[in-house]
Amino acid sequence: MAENPPTASAKSELRRELLAARRALSPDARAAAAAALAVTALELPELAGAHTVAAYVSVGGEPGTRALLDALRAAGKRVLLPLLLPDNDLDWAAYEGPGSLAEAAHPGKMRLLEPSGPALGPDAVTEADAVLLPGLAVDGRGMRLGRGGGSYDRVLQRLERAGAHPALVVLLYDEEVVARVPEEPHDHPVQAVATPSGVRRFSS
């Protein structure tokens, strides 16, 4: 039985509202946001100075990351992208450009674009200097609201076990920086958020 059902319920309600707002965005608005995000994210010192960045390929209504992935590669960064495992954990492989992505079908889930190169193992993320996290919202304390699937909770736990401390950066639309995100004991704050209009860093 959940220890804090009100928090879980509040998260579910906020997720529904935010996902509905994303669905309402026009294709033009999404394209403009993706282009702007590729520029603003690189303004973060944590990304500008990183050698290896663990990122992800956006899906559905998420802020677009494809232009950002190419900008990171063009800046000489090693970019790692996730491969979804059957238990919802993540393996990783290097991003070698748009042609290296292949559509992957996972039973019961939406189709994802994943890197087609060799899998490097779930622990490869511990080599990253910065980790880009998907999410639905972040608040002024840096608390992030995820999709609820648990994949990135595992990533954060793996980093903690390894004693790795990469910069954690969430990518969002401007309106998804909110006053307060409901939190649970396992939630981790992020160091920064990048949105189409700019970046914000949080004190640790």
Protein backbone atom coordinates (compact mmCIF):
# COMPACT_ATOMS: atom_id res chain seq x y z
CA MET A 1 0.00 0.00 0.00
CA ALA A 2 1.36 3.45 -0.91
CA GLU A 3 2.60 5.42 2.06
CA ASN A 4 1.46 8.73 0.64
CA PRO A 5 -1.58 8.25 -1.64
CA PRO A 6 -2.42 11.99 -1.73
CA THR A 7 0.99 12.76 -3.25
CA ALA A 8 0.61 10.01 -5.87
CA SER A 9 -2.89 11.29 -6.67
CA ALA A 10 -1.66 14.89 -6.95
CA LYS A 11 1.10 13.76 -9.32
CA SER A 12 -1.39 11.87 -11.50
CA GLU A 13 -3.70 14.88 -11.74
CA LEU A 14 -0.84 17.25 -12.61
CA ARG A 15 0.43 14.78 -15.24
CA ARG A 16 -3.02 14.70 -16.87
CA GLU A 17 -3.16 18.51 -17.05
CA LEU A 18 0.34 18.86 -18.46
CA LEU A 19 -0.09 16.11 -21.05
CA ALA A 20 -3.35 17.70 -22.21
CA ALA A 21 -1.56 21.04 -22.66
CA ARG A 22 1.17 19.33 -24.70
CA ARG A 23 -1.41 17.65 -26.94
CA ALA A 24 -2.95 21.08 -27.63
CA LEU A 25 0.29 22.51 -29.05
CA SER A 26 0.33 22.99 -32.82
CA PRO A 27 3.02 21.34 -34.97
CA ASP A 28 4.45 24.81 -35.72
CA ALA A 29 4.69 25.64 -32.02
CA ARG A 30 6.45 22.35 -31.33
CA ALA A 31 8.93 22.88 -34.17
CA ALA A 32 9.74 26.42 -33.00
CA ALA A 33 10.20 25.20 -29.41
CA ALA A 34 12.59 22.42 -30.53
CA ALA A 35 14.72 24.86 -32.54
CA ALA A 36 14.91 27.30 -29.62
CA LEU A 37 15.69 24.56 -27.12
CA ALA A 38 18.71 23.45 -29.15
CA VAL A 39 20.15 26.95 -28.74
CA THR A 40 19.26 27.66 -25.11
CA ALA A 41 20.34 24.31 -23.67
CA LEU A 42 23.89 24.80 -24.90
CA GLU A 43 24.07 28.02 -22.86
CA LEU A 44 24.23 25.93 -19.69
CA PRO A 45 27.82 25.67 -18.43
CA GLU A 46 27.05 22.07 -17.39
CA LEU A 47 26.41 21.18 -21.04
CA ALA A 48 28.94 23.50 -22.63
CA GLY A 49 31.74 21.96 -20.56
CA ALA A 50 30.60 18.33 -20.78
CA HIS A 51 32.55 15.72 -22.72
CA THR A 52 29.82 13.03 -22.51
CA VAL A 53 26.10 13.81 -22.38
CA ALA A 54 23.40 11.21 -21.78
CA ALA A 55 20.35 12.44 -23.68
CA TYR A 56 17.17 11.00 -25.22
CA VAL A 57 15.12 11.14 -28.41
CA SER A 58 11.89 13.01 -27.77
CA VAL A 59 8.58 11.24 -28.45
CA GLY A 60 5.00 12.42 -28.77
CA GLY A 61 4.43 15.92 -27.43
CA GLU A 62 7.75 16.16 -25.57
CA PRO A 63 9.93 19.20 -26.29
CA GLY A 64 11.86 18.18 -29.40
CA THR A 65 15.44 17.04 -28.85
CA ARG A 66 16.57 16.04 -32.35
CA ALA A 67 18.13 19.45 -33.16
CA LEU A 68 19.77 19.51 -29.72
CA LEU A 69 21.29 16.06 -30.23
CA ASP A 70 22.88 17.21 -33.48
CA ALA A 71 24.06 20.48 -31.88
CA LEU A 72 25.74 18.52 -29.09
CA ARG A 73 27.52 16.28 -31.60
CA ALA A 74 28.54 19.30 -33.67
CA ALA A 75 30.06 20.77 -30.50
CA GLY A 76 32.24 17.66 -30.14
CA LYS A 77 30.29 15.97 -27.37
CA ARG A 78 29.94 12.21 -27.03
CA VAL A 79 26.17 11.65 -26.86
CA LEU A 80 24.63 8.55 -25.30
CA LEU A 81 21.01 7.61 -26.01
CA PRO A 82 18.83 5.09 -24.17
CA LEU A 83 17.66 1.66 -25.25
CA LEU A 84 14.55 0.59 -23.37
CA LEU A 85 14.89 -2.84 -21.75
CA PRO A 86 11.97 -5.23 -21.10
CA ASP A 87 11.93 -4.37 -17.39
CA ASN A 88 11.77 -0.60 -18.16
CA ASP A 89 15.43 -0.10 -17.23
CA LEU A 90 17.69 1.65 -19.74
CA ASP A 91 20.75 0.49 -21.64
CA TRP A 92 22.77 3.03 -23.64
CA ALA A 93 24.44 3.38 -27.05
CA ALA A 94 26.30 6.19 -28.78
CA TYR A 95 24.46 8.60 -31.07
CA GLU A 96 26.14 8.70 -34.47
CA GLY A 97 23.79 11.07 -36.26
CA PRO A 98 20.17 10.96 -37.55
CA GLY A 99 20.88 7.96 -39.79
CA SER A 100 21.91 5.89 -36.78
CA LEU A 101 18.42 5.94 -35.24
CA ALA A 102 16.05 3.05 -35.80
CA GLU A 103 12.41 2.62 -34.82
CA ALA A 104 12.00 0.14 -31.98
CA ALA A 105 8.72 -1.49 -31.02
CA HIS A 106 8.15 -2.34 -27.37
CA PRO A 107 5.00 -4.33 -26.47
CA GLY A 108 2.41 -2.10 -24.86
CA LYS A 109 4.39 1.10 -25.43
CA MET A 110 4.69 3.73 -28.15
CA ARG A 111 7.32 3.21 -30.82
CA LEU A 112 10.65 4.77 -29.93
CA LEU A 113 13.64 5.88 -31.95
CA GLU A 114 16.73 4.23 -30.54
CA PRO A 115 20.43 4.19 -31.52
CA SER A 116 21.36 1.23 -33.69
CA GLY A 117 24.98 0.93 -32.51
CA PRO A 118 26.28 -1.57 -29.97
CA ALA A 119 24.74 -1.49 -26.50
CA LEU A 120 27.20 -0.25 -23.89
CA GLY A 121 25.38 -1.54 -20.79
CA PRO A 122 23.16 0.24 -18.23
CA ASP A 123 26.22 1.48 -16.33
CA ALA A 124 27.44 3.52 -19.32
CA VAL A 125 25.36 6.44 -18.02
CA THR A 126 27.75 6.74 -15.06
CA GLU A 127 30.38 8.07 -17.51
CA ALA A 128 28.23 11.10 -18.40
CA ASP A 129 29.17 14.61 -17.29
CA ALA A 130 25.55 15.70 -17.81
CA VAL A 131 22.29 13.78 -18.03
CA LEU A 132 19.32 15.25 -19.89
CA LEU A 133 16.07 14.08 -18.32
CA PRO A 134 12.60 14.02 -19.82
CA GLY A 135 9.88 15.33 -17.58
CA LEU A 136 6.56 17.11 -17.37
CA ALA A 137 7.34 19.89 -14.91
CA VAL A 138 9.92 21.30 -12.51
CA ASP A 139 9.48 23.71 -9.62
CA GLY A 140 11.63 26.43 -8.08
CA ARG A 141 13.44 23.90 -5.89
CA GLY A 142 14.46 21.82 -8.90
CA MET A 143 12.02 19.01 -8.10
CA ARG A 144 11.07 17.23 -11.32
CA LEU A 145 7.79 15.55 -12.22
CA GLY A 146 8.46 12.58 -14.53
CA ARG A 147 6.07 10.51 -16.63
CA GLY A 148 5.76 7.90 -13.91
CA GLY A 149 7.32 4.98 -15.79
CA GLY A 150 10.26 4.64 -13.42
CA SER A 151 13.02 4.28 -16.03
CA TYR A 152 14.81 7.45 -14.99
CA ASP A 153 14.32 6.72 -11.29
CA ARG A 154 16.49 3.67 -11.95
CA VAL A 155 19.04 5.77 -13.80
CA LEU A 156 19.27 8.18 -10.87
CA GLN A 157 19.61 5.31 -8.41
CA ARG A 158 22.39 3.80 -10.55
CA LEU A 159 24.27 7.11 -10.58
CA GLU A 160 23.93 7.38 -6.81
CA ARG A 161 25.19 3.84 -6.23
CA ALA A 162 28.19 4.50 -8.48
CA GLY A 163 29.06 7.72 -6.68
CA ALA A 164 28.62 9.56 -9.99
CA HIS A 165 27.46 13.17 -9.86
CA PRO A 166 26.67 14.38 -13.38
CA ALA A 167 24.69 17.57 -13.85
CA LEU A 168 20.97 16.70 -14.09
CA VAL A 169 19.11 18.89 -16.57
CA VAL A 170 15.40 18.60 -17.43
CA LEU A 171 14.08 19.78 -20.81
CA LEU A 172 10.64 21.41 -20.73
CA TYR A 173 8.32 23.93 -22.34
CA ASP A 174 8.27 27.38 -20.72
CA GLU A 175 4.87 26.86 -19.10
CA GLU A 176 6.06 23.67 -17.35
CA VAL A 177 8.22 25.52 -14.82
CA VAL A 178 5.62 25.61 -12.04
CA ALA A 179 5.24 26.82 -8.47
CA ARG A 180 5.33 23.41 -6.81
CA VAL A 181 5.69 19.76 -7.83
CA PRO A 182 4.37 17.06 -5.45
CA GLU A 183 7.34 15.06 -4.22
CA GLU A 184 7.96 11.62 -2.77
CA PRO A 185 11.00 10.40 -0.78
CA HIS A 186 12.66 8.82 -3.86
CA ASP A 187 12.48 12.00 -5.96
CA HIS A 188 15.77 13.73 -6.87
CA PRO A 189 16.14 17.46 -7.59
CA VAL A 190 17.78 18.54 -10.84
CA GLN A 191 20.49 21.18 -11.18
CA ALA A 192 18.92 23.06 -14.09
CA VAL A 193 16.04 23.33 -16.54
CA ALA A 194 16.30 24.33 -20.19
CA THR A 195 13.22 25.69 -21.97
CA PRO A 196 12.82 27.37 -25.37
CA SER A 197 13.10 30.83 -23.79
CA GLY A 198 16.17 30.19 -21.64
CA VAL A 199 17.76 28.25 -18.81
CA ARG A 200 17.45 28.32 -15.05
CA ARG A 201 19.83 26.78 -12.55
CA PHE A 202 18.87 25.69 -9.07
CA SER A 203 21.04 25.95 -5.98
CA SER A 204 22.02 22.50 -4.65
